[in-house]
Amino acid sequence: QQQSDETPMVWEMLLYLYILYSPDWHYRSTMPIFLFLYGAAFAAVHSVVRFGVGFRVHYVILCLLCVPRMYKYYIYTQDASARRLAKMYVATLLTGTFCWLFDRVFCNEISSWPVNPQGHALWHVFMGFNSYLANTFLMFCRAQQRGWSPRVVHFMGALPFVKIEKPKAQ
């Protein structure tokens, strides 16, 4: 059942690669086709071969491929609330990774505690927020590129989302 946890993570990173790099991609149809075939091939091979450490290395490489473009978007974004989204993205990534590592390294000790802090479950929660924040930040950046006047607003004062005002067609 580990595949049902790991394959969506790879597909998510492939989606980010598409969103981050597609504005500069010259061959519009080849990139999504390649990423789809790559994701499908990964899922098929991963269902037969359990990668273990290989999956983690693969996932980190996919994440690292996204870092330069995310940083580029961050430095060119002047809006403070959008920059806050990017900072929250990094904070949830680091916090989730810490929870996962803590749970993984100290599993035997933690299992004897009267209350288990559930580091792996917390990792899932933080990575869920991480995915949401990454998509929200990228939505802001993409809307800004297209000249749609995006702004970050908050649902019920807490959950940030992007409100876009497209210019009226003439």
Protein backbone atom coordinates (compact mmCIF):
# COMPACT_ATOMS: atom_id res chain seq x y z
CA GLN A 1 0.00 0.00 0.00
CA GLN A 2 3.03 2.25 0.09
CA GLN A 3 2.58 2.89 -3.63
CA SER A 4 -0.75 4.62 -2.97
CA ASP A 5 1.20 7.03 -0.76
CA GLU A 6 4.23 7.55 -2.96
CA THR A 7 2.90 7.62 -6.52
CA PRO A 8 0.67 10.70 -5.89
CA MET A 9 3.71 12.46 -4.43
CA VAL A 10 5.60 11.92 -7.69
CA TRP A 11 2.60 13.03 -9.76
CA GLU A 12 2.36 16.18 -7.64
CA MET A 13 6.00 17.02 -8.30
CA LEU A 14 5.52 16.40 -12.03
CA LEU A 15 2.58 18.81 -11.94
CA TYR A 16 4.77 21.42 -10.23
CA LEU A 17 7.48 20.91 -12.86
CA TYR A 18 4.88 21.52 -15.55
CA ILE A 19 3.50 24.64 -13.87
CA LEU A 20 6.95 26.04 -13.13
CA TYR A 21 8.62 25.40 -16.46
CA SER A 22 5.79 25.44 -19.02
CA PRO A 23 5.85 29.23 -19.61
CA ASP A 24 9.35 28.88 -21.09
CA TRP A 25 8.83 25.55 -22.85
CA HIS A 26 8.93 25.96 -26.62
CA TYR A 27 7.31 22.67 -27.58
CA ARG A 28 3.93 23.01 -25.89
CA SER A 29 2.66 19.46 -26.46
CA THR A 30 5.83 17.49 -25.72
CA MET A 31 6.27 18.55 -22.10
CA PRO A 32 2.86 17.39 -20.79
CA ILE A 33 3.08 14.18 -22.84
CA PHE A 34 6.57 13.44 -21.49
CA LEU A 35 5.57 14.17 -17.89
CA PHE A 36 2.45 12.01 -18.22
CA LEU A 37 4.42 9.10 -19.69
CA TYR A 38 7.09 9.52 -17.01
CA GLY A 39 4.45 9.44 -14.25
CA ALA A 40 2.70 6.43 -15.76
CA ALA A 41 6.01 4.57 -16.18
CA PHE A 42 6.98 5.39 -12.60
CA ALA A 43 3.64 4.07 -11.32
CA ALA A 44 3.96 0.86 -13.33
CA VAL A 45 7.54 0.17 -12.32
CA HIS A 46 6.87 1.18 -8.71
CA SER A 47 4.01 -1.32 -8.50
CA VAL A 48 6.44 -4.13 -9.35
CA VAL A 49 9.70 -2.89 -7.80
CA ARG A 50 9.63 -1.45 -4.29
CA PHE A 51 12.15 1.36 -4.42
CA GLY A 52 12.57 2.12 -0.69
CA VAL A 53 15.52 4.50 -0.44
CA GLY A 54 15.50 4.88 -4.22
CA PHE A 55 12.06 6.46 -4.01
CA ARG A 56 13.23 8.99 -1.44
CA VAL A 57 16.23 9.94 -3.57
CA HIS A 58 13.99 10.21 -6.65
CA TYR A 59 11.50 12.42 -4.79
CA VAL A 60 14.24 14.70 -3.45
CA ILE A 61 15.65 15.09 -6.98
CA LEU A 62 12.19 16.06 -8.30
CA CYS A 63 11.85 18.58 -5.45
CA LEU A 64 15.29 20.01 -6.15
CA LEU A 65 14.39 20.48 -9.82
CA CYS A 66 11.58 22.79 -8.66
CA VAL A 67 13.67 24.88 -6.26
CA PRO A 68 15.42 27.20 -8.77
CA ARG A 69 12.20 28.25 -10.49
CA MET A 70 10.30 28.60 -7.21
CA TYR A 71 13.09 30.84 -5.96
CA LYS A 72 12.96 32.86 -9.17
CA TYR A 73 9.21 33.37 -8.71
CA TYR A 74 9.78 34.30 -5.08
CA ILE A 75 12.41 36.97 -5.77
CA TYR A 76 10.33 38.55 -8.55
CA THR A 77 7.16 38.65 -6.44
CA GLN A 78 6.80 41.98 -4.67
CA ASP A 79 3.48 41.27 -2.97
CA ALA A 80 4.10 40.68 0.76
CA SER A 81 1.17 38.30 1.22
CA ALA A 82 2.29 36.16 -1.74
CA ARG A 83 5.81 36.07 -0.35
CA ARG A 84 4.32 34.97 2.98
CA LEU A 85 2.68 32.04 1.15
CA ALA A 86 6.10 30.97 -0.13
CA LYS A 87 7.60 31.26 3.35
CA MET A 88 4.74 29.20 4.81
CA TYR A 89 5.36 26.65 2.04
CA VAL A 90 8.99 26.26 3.11
CA ALA A 91 8.04 26.21 6.81
CA THR A 92 5.49 23.41 6.33
CA LEU A 93 7.97 21.47 4.21
CA LEU A 94 10.67 21.69 6.87
CA THR A 95 8.29 21.01 9.76
CA GLY A 96 6.77 18.01 7.99
CA THR A 97 10.21 16.66 7.15
CA PHE A 98 11.29 17.09 10.77
CA CYS A 99 8.18 15.22 11.99
CA TRP A 100 8.83 12.38 9.54
CA LEU A 101 12.52 12.12 10.44
CA PHE A 102 11.79 12.27 14.17
CA ASP A 103 9.24 9.49 13.81
CA ARG A 104 11.54 7.42 11.62
CA VAL A 105 14.71 7.78 13.72
CA PHE A 106 13.11 7.43 17.15
CA CYS A 107 10.37 4.92 16.28
CA ASN A 108 11.42 2.32 18.87
CA GLU A 109 11.68 4.87 21.68
CA ILE A 110 8.44 6.64 20.76
CA SER A 111 6.45 3.40 20.67
CA SER A 112 7.10 2.93 24.40
CA TRP A 113 5.84 6.42 25.31
CA PRO A 114 2.38 6.65 26.88
CA VAL A 115 1.31 9.04 24.08
CA ASN A 116 2.60 8.66 20.54
CA PRO A 117 3.02 12.06 18.82
CA GLN A 118 2.27 10.38 15.44
CA GLY A 119 5.13 12.00 13.50
CA HIS A 120 4.23 10.24 10.25
CA ALA A 121 0.62 11.37 10.48
CA LEU A 122 1.78 14.93 11.21
CA TRP A 123 4.02 14.67 8.15
CA HIS A 124 0.93 13.94 6.05
CA VAL A 125 -0.91 16.92 7.55
CA PHE A 126 2.00 19.32 6.97
CA MET A 127 2.57 18.02 3.45
CA GLY A 128 -1.11 18.53 2.69
CA PHE A 129 -0.80 22.17 3.71
CA ASN A 130 2.50 22.31 1.85
CA SER A 131 0.83 21.19 -1.38
CA TYR A 132 -1.98 23.67 -0.93
CA LEU A 133 0.42 26.56 -0.24
CA ALA A 134 2.62 25.68 -3.21
CA ASN A 135 -0.38 25.61 -5.54
CA THR A 136 -1.70 28.88 -4.12
CA PHE A 137 1.66 30.62 -4.52
CA LEU A 138 2.05 29.31 -8.06
CA MET A 139 -1.49 30.41 -8.90
CA PHE A 140 -0.62 33.92 -7.73
CA CYS A 141 2.58 33.99 -9.78
CA ARG A 142 0.91 32.64 -12.91
CA ALA A 143 -1.98 35.11 -12.65
CA GLN A 144 0.52 37.91 -12.19
CA GLN A 145 2.39 36.78 -15.32
CA ARG A 146 -0.84 36.92 -17.29
CA GLY A 147 -1.70 40.40 -16.00
CA TRP A 148 -4.80 39.30 -14.07
CA SER A 149 -4.28 41.39 -10.90
CA PRO A 150 -4.15 38.60 -8.31
CA ARG A 151 -4.33 39.20 -4.59
CA VAL A 152 -4.16 36.90 -1.60
CA VAL A 153 -7.26 36.90 0.58
CA HIS A 154 -8.21 34.67 3.48
CA PHE A 155 -11.23 32.43 3.86
CA MET A 156 -12.72 32.96 7.32
CA GLY A 157 -9.61 34.94 8.23
CA ALA A 158 -7.34 31.90 8.14
CA LEU A 159 -7.06 29.93 4.89
CA PRO A 160 -5.26 31.93 2.18
CA PHE A 161 -6.42 31.76 -1.41
CA VAL A 162 -5.89 33.82 -4.55
CA LYS A 163 -8.58 36.10 -5.85
CA ILE A 164 -8.08 36.99 -9.50
CA GLU A 165 -9.56 39.95 -11.33
CA LYS A 166 -9.16 39.42 -15.04
CA PRO A 167 -9.28 42.52 -17.21
CA LYS A 168 -12.51 43.02 -19.16
CA ALA A 169 -12.30 41.92 -22.78
CA GLN A 170 -12.71 44.79 -25.22
